[in-house]
Amino acid sequence: MDSHQIFSGCPGSAKYKTPTITEKICPVCGNVIELFSVDVSVKCDRCGFEAFNDTQDCIQWCQYAEQCIGKELYEKLVKNKMKEES
């Protein structure tokens, strides 16, 4: 199997290539906040609370993540994870 087959067929990258949507309830005002899998964070439309995307997974440990989802998105998501942990 060549690297092209790995990157085009990785099941973990599907949500980045075809974004999925997740709903969170704002802990401040109770409003529904919609986050796409490629969003780093989204502000609540009602109160401005910043909700972070916590559904990132394989990008944290896969050695091919940057090649798989692209450098720009990879760096954006890794930066978000570091911000979330601090």
PDB file of N, CA and C in Angstrom:
ATOM      1  N   MET A   1       0.857  -1.188   0.000  1.00  0.00           N
ATOM      2  CA  MET A   1       0.000   0.000   0.000  1.00  0.00           C
ATOM      3  C   MET A   1       0.889   1.232   0.000  1.00  0.00           C
ATOM      4  N   ASP A   2       0.670   2.142  -0.940  1.00  0.00           N
ATOM      5  CA  ASP A   2       1.471   3.357  -0.972  1.00  0.00           C
ATOM      6  C   ASP A   2       0.853   4.437  -0.089  1.00  0.00           C
ATOM      7  N   SER A   3       1.623   5.511   0.152  1.00  0.00           N
ATOM      8  CA  SER A   3       1.152   6.566   1.057  1.00  0.00           C
ATOM      9  C   SER A   3      -0.098   7.259   0.535  1.00  0.00           C
ATOM     10  N   HIS A   4      -0.254   7.354  -0.796  1.00  0.00           N
ATOM     11  CA  HIS A   4      -1.458   7.971  -1.366  1.00  0.00           C
ATOM     12  C   HIS A   4      -2.705   7.197  -0.941  1.00  0.00           C
ATOM     13  N   GLN A   5      -2.631   5.886  -0.935  1.00  0.00           N
ATOM     14  CA  GLN A   5      -3.777   5.071  -0.530  1.00  0.00           C
ATOM     15  C   GLN A   5      -4.086   5.276   0.947  1.00  0.00           C
ATOM     16  N   ILE A   6      -3.051   5.399   1.755  1.00  0.00           N
ATOM     17  CA  ILE A   6      -3.265   5.618   3.191  1.00  0.00           C
ATOM     18  C   ILE A   6      -3.966   6.952   3.410  1.00  0.00           C
ATOM     19  N   PHE A   7      -3.456   8.029   2.800  1.00  0.00           N
ATOM     20  CA  PHE A   7      -3.988   9.351   3.042  1.00  0.00           C
ATOM     21  C   PHE A   7      -5.373   9.548   2.453  1.00  0.00           C
ATOM     22  N   SER A   8      -5.659   8.915   1.336  1.00  0.00           N
ATOM     23  CA  SER A   8      -6.986   9.088   0.749  1.00  0.00           C
ATOM     24  C   SER A   8      -8.020   8.180   1.391  1.00  0.00           C
ATOM     25  N   GLY A   9      -7.570   7.162   2.122  1.00  0.00           N
ATOM     26  CA  GLY A   9      -8.517   6.213   2.693  1.00  0.00           C
ATOM     27  C   GLY A   9      -8.534   6.170   4.207  1.00  0.00           C
ATOM     28  N   CYS A  10      -7.854   7.088   4.852  1.00  0.00           N
ATOM     29  CA  CYS A  10      -7.795   7.093   6.307  1.00  0.00           C
ATOM     30  C   CYS A  10      -9.175   7.408   6.884  1.00  0.00           C
ATOM     31  N   PRO A  11      -9.734   6.506   7.687  1.00  0.00           N
ATOM     32  CA  PRO A  11     -11.067   6.777   8.232  1.00  0.00           C
ATOM     33  C   PRO A  11     -11.105   7.949   9.205  1.00  0.00           C
ATOM     34  N   GLY A  12     -10.004   8.240   9.868  1.00  0.00           N
ATOM     35  CA  GLY A  12      -9.972   9.340  10.812  1.00  0.00           C
ATOM     36  C   GLY A  12     -10.018  10.701  10.153  1.00  0.00           C
ATOM     37  N   SER A  13      -9.549  10.769   8.922  1.00  0.00           N
ATOM     38  CA  SER A  13      -9.509  12.066   8.240  1.00  0.00           C
ATOM     39  C   SER A  13     -10.816  12.413   7.550  1.00  0.00           C
ATOM     40  N   ALA A  14     -11.738  11.499   7.482  1.00  0.00           N
ATOM     41  CA  ALA A  14     -13.002  11.731   6.767  1.00  0.00           C
ATOM     42  C   ALA A  14     -13.744  12.955   7.302  1.00  0.00           C
ATOM     43  N   LYS A  15     -13.746  13.151   8.620  1.00  0.00           N
ATOM     44  CA  LYS A  15     -14.488  14.284   9.181  1.00  0.00           C
ATOM     45  C   LYS A  15     -13.827  15.623   8.899  1.00  0.00           C
ATOM     46  N   TYR A  16     -12.544  15.589   8.482  1.00  0.00           N
ATOM     47  CA  TYR A  16     -11.867  16.823   8.103  1.00  0.00           C
ATOM     48  C   TYR A  16     -12.039  17.105   6.622  1.00  0.00           C
ATOM     49  N   LYS A  17     -12.097  16.045   5.817  1.00  0.00           N
ATOM     50  CA  LYS A  17     -12.267  16.198   4.373  1.00  0.00           C
ATOM     51  C   LYS A  17     -13.721  16.483   4.021  1.00  0.00           C
ATOM     52  N   THR A  18     -14.644  15.888   4.751  1.00  0.00           N
ATOM     53  CA  THR A  18     -16.074  16.153   4.628  1.00  0.00           C
ATOM     54  C   THR A  18     -16.545  16.500   6.031  1.00  0.00           C
ATOM     55  N   PRO A  19     -16.510  17.771   6.391  1.00  0.00           N
ATOM     56  CA  PRO A  19     -16.790  18.178   7.769  1.00  0.00           C
ATOM     57  C   PRO A  19     -18.151  17.701   8.300  1.00  0.00           C
ATOM     58  N   THR A  20     -18.131  17.350   9.569  1.00  0.00           N
ATOM     59  CA  THR A  20     -19.349  16.980  10.282  1.00  0.00           C
ATOM     60  C   THR A  20     -19.682  18.111  11.243  1.00  0.00           C
ATOM     61  N   ILE A  21     -20.901  18.110  11.738  1.00  0.00           N
ATOM     62  CA  ILE A  21     -21.321  19.170  12.660  1.00  0.00           C
ATOM     63  C   ILE A  21     -21.682  18.565  14.014  1.00  0.00           C
ATOM     64  N   THR A  22     -21.314  19.276  15.055  1.00  0.00           N
ATOM     65  CA  THR A  22     -21.612  18.872  16.426  1.00  0.00           C
ATOM     66  C   THR A  22     -22.300  20.039  17.115  1.00  0.00           C
ATOM     67  N   GLU A  23     -23.258  19.739  17.955  1.00  0.00           N
ATOM     68  CA  GLU A  23     -23.923  20.791  18.726  1.00  0.00           C
ATOM     69  C   GLU A  23     -23.486  20.711  20.181  1.00  0.00           C
ATOM     70  N   LYS A  24     -23.216  21.867  20.745  1.00  0.00           N
ATOM     71  CA  LYS A  24     -22.894  21.979  22.168  1.00  0.00           C
ATOM     72  C   LYS A  24     -23.869  22.971  22.776  1.00  0.00           C
ATOM     73  N   ILE A  25     -24.118  22.809  24.039  1.00  0.00           N
ATOM     74  CA  ILE A  25     -24.946  23.760  24.778  1.00  0.00           C
ATOM     75  C   ILE A  25     -24.016  24.739  25.478  1.00  0.00           C
ATOM     76  N   CYS A  26     -24.239  26.016  25.241  1.00  0.00           N
ATOM     77  CA  CYS A  26     -23.418  27.047  25.861  1.00  0.00           C
ATOM     78  C   CYS A  26     -23.592  26.968  27.382  1.00  0.00           C
ATOM     79  N   PRO A  27     -22.478  26.852  28.123  1.00  0.00           N
ATOM     80  CA  PRO A  27     -22.583  26.760  29.582  1.00  0.00           C
ATOM     81  C   PRO A  27     -22.976  28.085  30.242  1.00  0.00           C
ATOM     82  N   VAL A  28     -22.912  29.179  29.508  1.00  0.00           N
ATOM     83  CA  VAL A  28     -23.246  30.491  30.055  1.00  0.00           C
ATOM     84  C   VAL A  28     -24.725  30.800  29.893  1.00  0.00           C
ATOM     85  N   CYS A  29     -25.262  30.627  28.664  1.00  0.00           N
ATOM     86  CA  CYS A  29     -26.639  31.065  28.410  1.00  0.00           C
ATOM     87  C   CYS A  29     -27.588  29.950  27.946  1.00  0.00           C
ATOM     88  N   GLY A  30     -27.066  28.744  27.692  1.00  0.00           N
ATOM     89  CA  GLY A  30     -27.921  27.633  27.290  1.00  0.00           C
ATOM     90  C   GLY A  30     -28.245  27.580  25.805  1.00  0.00           C
ATOM     91  N   ASN A  31     -27.714  28.485  25.025  1.00  0.00           N
ATOM     92  CA  ASN A  31     -27.927  28.508  23.576  1.00  0.00           C
ATOM     93  C   ASN A  31     -27.223  27.316  22.920  1.00  0.00           C
ATOM     94  N   VAL A  32     -27.717  26.877  21.773  1.00  0.00           N
ATOM     95  CA  VAL A  32     -27.059  25.810  21.020  1.00  0.00           C
ATOM     96  C   VAL A  32     -25.952  26.427  20.171  1.00  0.00           C
ATOM     97  N   ILE A  33     -24.754  25.853  20.279  1.00  0.00           N
ATOM     98  CA  ILE A  33     -23.594  26.295  19.496  1.00  0.00           C
ATOM     99  C   ILE A  33     -23.264  25.161  18.526  1.00  0.00           C
ATOM    100  N   GLU A  34     -23.189  25.481  17.231  1.00  0.00           N
ATOM    101  CA  GLU A  34     -22.861  24.485  16.218  1.00  0.00           C
ATOM    102  C   GLU A  34     -21.386  24.612  15.843  1.00  0.00           C
ATOM    103  N   LEU A  35     -20.666  23.487  15.945  1.00  0.00           N
ATOM    104  CA  LEU A  35     -19.254  23.440  15.589  1.00  0.00           C
ATOM    105  C   LEU A  35     -19.058  22.426  14.475  1.00  0.00           C
ATOM    106  N   PHE A  36     -18.375  22.829  13.411  1.00  0.00           N
ATOM    107  CA  PHE A  36     -17.977  21.886  12.382  1.00  0.00           C
ATOM    108  C   PHE A  36     -16.666  21.237  12.811  1.00  0.00           C
ATOM    109  N   SER A  37     -16.417  20.020  12.332  1.00  0.00           N
ATOM    110  CA  SER A  37     -15.213  19.296  12.730  1.00  0.00           C
ATOM    111  C   SER A  37     -13.927  20.029  12.360  1.00  0.00           C
ATOM    112  N   VAL A  38     -13.968  20.939  11.415  1.00  0.00           N
ATOM    113  CA  VAL A  38     -12.780  21.707  11.033  1.00  0.00           C
ATOM    114  C   VAL A  38     -12.668  23.031  11.782  1.00  0.00           C
ATOM    115  N   ASP A  39     -13.661  23.387  12.586  1.00  0.00           N
ATOM    116  CA  ASP A  39     -13.608  24.611  13.387  1.00  0.00           C
ATOM    117  C   ASP A  39     -12.700  24.411  14.582  1.00  0.00           C
ATOM    118  N   VAL A  40     -11.900  25.404  14.871  1.00  0.00           N
ATOM    119  CA  VAL A  40     -11.087  25.382  16.083  1.00  0.00           C
ATOM    120  C   VAL A  40     -11.960  25.794  17.260  1.00  0.00           C
ATOM    121  N   SER A  41     -12.710  26.872  17.068  1.00  0.00           N
ATOM    122  CA  SER A  41     -13.640  27.334  18.094  1.00  0.00           C
ATOM    123  C   SER A  41     -14.722  28.164  17.420  1.00  0.00           C
ATOM    124  N   VAL A  42     -15.832  28.330  18.131  1.00  0.00           N
ATOM    125  CA  VAL A  42     -16.949  29.130  17.640  1.00  0.00           C
ATOM    126  C   VAL A  42     -17.506  29.902  18.831  1.00  0.00           C
ATOM    127  N   LYS A  43     -17.844  31.159  18.599  1.00  0.00           N
ATOM    128  CA  LYS A  43     -18.447  31.968  19.664  1.00  0.00           C
ATOM    129  C   LYS A  43     -19.959  31.798  19.650  1.00  0.00           C
ATOM    130  N   CYS A  44     -20.528  31.764  20.822  1.00  0.00           N
ATOM    131  CA  CYS A  44     -21.973  31.672  20.975  1.00  0.00           C
ATOM    132  C   CYS A  44     -22.611  32.921  20.368  1.00  0.00           C
ATOM    133  N   ASP A  45     -23.635  32.701  19.548  1.00  0.00           N
ATOM    134  CA  ASP A  45     -24.335  33.822  18.908  1.00  0.00           C
ATOM    135  C   ASP A  45     -25.041  34.717  19.919  1.00  0.00           C
ATOM    136  N   ARG A  46     -25.424  34.142  21.043  1.00  0.00           N
ATOM    137  CA  ARG A  46     -26.198  34.899  22.026  1.00  0.00           C
ATOM    138  C   ARG A  46     -25.317  35.680  23.004  1.00  0.00           C
ATOM    139  N   CYS A  47     -24.308  35.029  23.584  1.00  0.00           N
ATOM    140  CA  CYS A  47     -23.550  35.702  24.650  1.00  0.00           C
ATOM    141  C   CYS A  47     -22.069  35.898  24.352  1.00  0.00           C
ATOM    142  N   GLY A  48     -21.563  35.269  23.285  1.00  0.00           N
ATOM    143  CA  GLY A  48     -20.168  35.443  22.922  1.00  0.00           C
ATOM    144  C   GLY A  48     -19.197  34.462  23.554  1.00  0.00           C
ATOM    145  N   PHE A  49     -19.689  33.511  24.365  1.00  0.00           N
ATOM    146  CA  PHE A  49     -18.821  32.495  24.957  1.00  0.00           C
ATOM    147  C   PHE A  49     -18.108  31.735  23.847  1.00  0.00           C
ATOM    148  N   GLU A  50     -16.811  31.479  24.000  1.00  0.00           N
ATOM    149  CA  GLU A  50     -16.038  30.761  22.988  1.00  0.00           C
ATOM    150  C   GLU A  50     -15.995  29.268  23.323  1.00  0.00           C
ATOM    151  N   ALA A  51     -16.616  28.469  22.469  1.00  0.00           N
ATOM    152  CA  ALA A  51     -16.633  27.013  22.645  1.00  0.00           C
ATOM    153  C   ALA A  51     -15.544  26.416  21.761  1.00  0.00           C
ATOM    154  N   PHE A  52     -14.744  25.530  22.332  1.00  0.00           N
ATOM    155  CA  PHE A  52     -13.659  24.891  21.593  1.00  0.00           C
ATOM    156  C   PHE A  52     -14.080  23.521  21.090  1.00  0.00           C
ATOM    157  N   ASN A  53     -13.511  23.142  19.961  1.00  0.00           N
ATOM    158  CA  ASN A  53     -13.767  21.850  19.364  1.00  0.00           C
ATOM    159  C   ASN A  53     -12.940  20.807  20.109  1.00  0.00           C
ATOM    160  N   ASP A  54     -13.591  19.890  20.767  1.00  0.00           N
ATOM    161  CA  ASP A  54     -12.883  18.849  21.506  1.00  0.00           C
ATOM    162  C   ASP A  54     -13.016  17.481  20.850  1.00  0.00           C
ATOM    163  N   THR A  55     -13.414  17.438  19.590  1.00  0.00           N
ATOM    164  CA  THR A  55     -13.572  16.160  18.899  1.00  0.00           C
ATOM    165  C   THR A  55     -12.344  15.774  18.085  1.00  0.00           C
ATOM    166  N   GLN A  56     -11.273  16.542  18.184  1.00  0.00           N
ATOM    167  CA  GLN A  56     -10.056  16.212  17.454  1.00  0.00           C
ATOM    168  C   GLN A  56      -9.425  14.983  18.086  1.00  0.00           C
ATOM    169  N   ASP A  57      -9.044  14.034  17.257  1.00  0.00           N
ATOM    170  CA  ASP A  57      -8.498  12.820  17.816  1.00  0.00           C
ATOM    171  C   ASP A  57      -7.219  12.368  17.132  1.00  0.00           C
ATOM    172  N   CYS A  58      -7.291  11.800  15.965  1.00  0.00           N
ATOM    173  CA  CYS A  58      -6.113  11.216  15.331  1.00  0.00           C
ATOM    174  C   CYS A  58      -5.022  12.242  15.051  1.00  0.00           C
ATOM    175  N   ILE A  59      -5.376  13.505  14.922  1.00  0.00           N
ATOM    176  CA  ILE A  59      -4.339  14.502  14.656  1.00  0.00           C
ATOM    177  C   ILE A  59      -3.372  14.624  15.824  1.00  0.00           C
ATOM    178  N   GLN A  60      -3.782  14.174  16.994  1.00  0.00           N
ATOM    179  CA  GLN A  60      -2.934  14.276  18.176  1.00  0.00           C
ATOM    180  C   GLN A  60      -1.842  13.219  18.216  1.00  0.00           C
ATOM    181  N   TRP A  61      -2.060  12.073  17.568  1.00  0.00           N
ATOM    182  CA  TRP A  61      -1.089  10.993  17.687  1.00  0.00           C
ATOM    183  C   TRP A  61      -0.604  10.393  16.376  1.00  0.00           C
ATOM    184  N   CYS A  62      -1.292  10.593  15.287  1.00  0.00           N
ATOM    185  CA  CYS A  62      -0.924   9.941  14.028  1.00  0.00           C
ATOM    186  C   CYS A  62       0.269  10.631  13.379  1.00  0.00           C
ATOM    187  N   GLN A  63       1.285   9.869  13.050  1.00  0.00           N
ATOM    188  CA  GLN A  63       2.486  10.438  12.438  1.00  0.00           C
ATOM    189  C   GLN A  63       2.237  10.990  11.037  1.00  0.00           C
ATOM    190  N   TYR A  64       1.136  10.602  10.410  1.00  0.00           N
ATOM    191  CA  TYR A  64       0.809  11.063   9.071  1.00  0.00           C
ATOM    192  C   TYR A  64      -0.265  12.157   9.055  1.00  0.00           C
ATOM    193  N   ALA A  65      -0.677  12.624  10.197  1.00  0.00           N
ATOM    194  CA  ALA A  65      -1.797  13.572  10.283  1.00  0.00           C
ATOM    195  C   ALA A  65      -1.589  14.824   9.438  1.00  0.00           C
ATOM    196  N   GLU A  66      -0.416  15.410   9.505  1.00  0.00           N
ATOM    197  CA  GLU A  66      -0.174  16.636   8.739  1.00  0.00           C
ATOM    198  C   GLU A  66      -0.297  16.388   7.241  1.00  0.00           C
ATOM    199  N   GLN A  67       0.247  15.277   6.772  1.00  0.00           N
ATOM    200  CA  GLN A  67       0.149  14.934   5.355  1.00  0.00           C
ATOM    201  C   GLN A  67      -1.291  14.599   4.979  1.00  0.00           C
ATOM    202  N   CYS A  68      -2.001  14.006   5.870  1.00  0.00           N
ATOM    203  CA  CYS A  68      -3.350  13.512   5.610  1.00  0.00           C
ATOM    204  C   CYS A  68      -4.366  14.652   5.465  1.00  0.00           C
ATOM    205  N   ILE A  69      -4.333  15.614   6.389  1.00  0.00           N
ATOM    206  CA  ILE A  69      -5.347  16.679   6.361  1.00  0.00           C
ATOM    207  C   ILE A  69      -4.813  18.002   5.836  1.00  0.00           C
ATOM    208  N   GLY A  70      -3.512  18.078   5.602  1.00  0.00           N
ATOM    209  CA  GLY A  70      -2.914  19.298   5.074  1.00  0.00           C
ATOM    210  C   GLY A  70      -2.260  20.122   6.170  1.00  0.00           C
ATOM    211  N   LYS A  71      -1.181  20.768   5.820  1.00  0.00           N
ATOM    212  CA  LYS A  71      -0.376  21.512   6.792  1.00  0.00           C
ATOM    213  C   LYS A  71      -1.157  22.629   7.485  1.00  0.00           C
ATOM    214  N   GLU A  72      -1.904  23.421   6.722  1.00  0.00           N
ATOM    215  CA  GLU A  72      -2.616  24.573   7.290  1.00  0.00           C
ATOM    216  C   GLU A  72      -3.648  24.147   8.344  1.00  0.00           C
ATOM    217  N   LEU A  73      -4.489  23.177   8.001  1.00  0.00           N
ATOM    218  CA  LEU A  73      -5.505  22.713   8.952  1.00  0.00           C
ATOM    219  C   LEU A  73      -4.852  22.005  10.135  1.00  0.00           C
ATOM    220  N   TYR A  74      -3.817  21.217   9.872  1.00  0.00           N
ATOM    221  CA  TYR A  74      -3.110  20.514  10.942  1.00  0.00           C
ATOM    222  C   TYR A  74      -2.568  21.506  11.970  1.00  0.00           C
ATOM    223  N   GLU A  75      -1.873  22.539  11.488  1.00  0.00           N
ATOM    224  CA  GLU A  75      -1.297  23.525  12.404  1.00  0.00           C
ATOM    225  C   GLU A  75      -2.381  24.265  13.186  1.00  0.00           C
ATOM    226  N   LYS A  76      -3.480  24.575  12.529  1.00  0.00           N
ATOM    227  CA  LYS A  76      -4.601  25.257  13.189  1.00  0.00           C
ATOM    228  C   LYS A  76      -5.167  24.395  14.322  1.00  0.00           C
ATOM    229  N   LEU A  77      -5.354  23.107  14.061  1.00  0.00           N
ATOM    230  CA  LEU A  77      -5.938  22.214  15.060  1.00  0.00           C
ATOM    231  C   LEU A  77      -4.967  21.910  16.192  1.00  0.00           C
ATOM    232  N   VAL A  78      -3.687  21.754  15.886  1.00  0.00           N
ATOM    233  CA  VAL A  78      -2.690  21.507  16.930  1.00  0.00           C
ATOM    234  C   VAL A  78      -2.562  22.735  17.821  1.00  0.00           C
ATOM    235  N   LYS A  79      -2.569  23.907  17.237  1.00  0.00           N
ATOM    236  CA  LYS A  79      -2.507  25.157  18.011  1.00  0.00           C
ATOM    237  C   LYS A  79      -3.699  25.255  18.951  1.00  0.00           C
ATOM    238  N   ASN A  80      -4.894  24.870  18.457  1.00  0.00           N
ATOM    239  CA  ASN A  80      -6.088  24.880  19.277  1.00  0.00           C
ATOM    240  C   ASN A  80      -5.928  23.942  20.468  1.00  0.00           C
ATOM    241  N   LYS A  81      -5.406  22.767  20.237  1.00  0.00           N
ATOM    242  CA  LYS A  81      -5.253  21.780  21.310  1.00  0.00           C
ATOM    243  C   LYS A  81      -4.288  22.309  22.373  1.00  0.00           C
ATOM    244  N   MET A  82      -3.209  22.961  21.947  1.00  0.00           N
ATOM    245  CA  MET A  82      -2.250  23.513  22.907  1.00  0.00           C
ATOM    246  C   MET A  82      -2.909  24.634  23.712  1.00  0.00           C
ATOM    247  N   LYS A  83      -3.703  25.466  23.069  1.00  0.00           N
ATOM    248  CA  LYS A  83      -4.410  26.553  23.751  1.00  0.00           C
ATOM    249  C   LYS A  83      -5.402  26.001  24.766  1.00  0.00           C
ATOM    250  N   GLU A  84      -6.072  24.923  24.383  1.00  0.00           N
ATOM    251  CA  GLU A  84      -7.072  24.289  25.236  1.00  0.00           C
ATOM    252  C   GLU A  84      -6.423  23.698  26.494  1.00  0.00           C
ATOM    253  N   GLU A  85      -5.212  23.154  26.352  1.00  0.00           N
ATOM    254  CA  GLU A  85      -4.525  22.503  27.463  1.00  0.00           C
ATOM    255  C   GLU A  85      -3.869  23.484  28.422  1.00  0.00           C
ATOM    256  N   SER A  86      -3.660  24.734  27.984  1.00  0.00           N
ATOM    257  CA  SER A  86      -2.991  25.707  28.863  1.00  0.00           C
ATOM    258  C   SER A  86      -3.974  26.501  29.683  1.00  0.00           C
TER     259      SER A  86
END
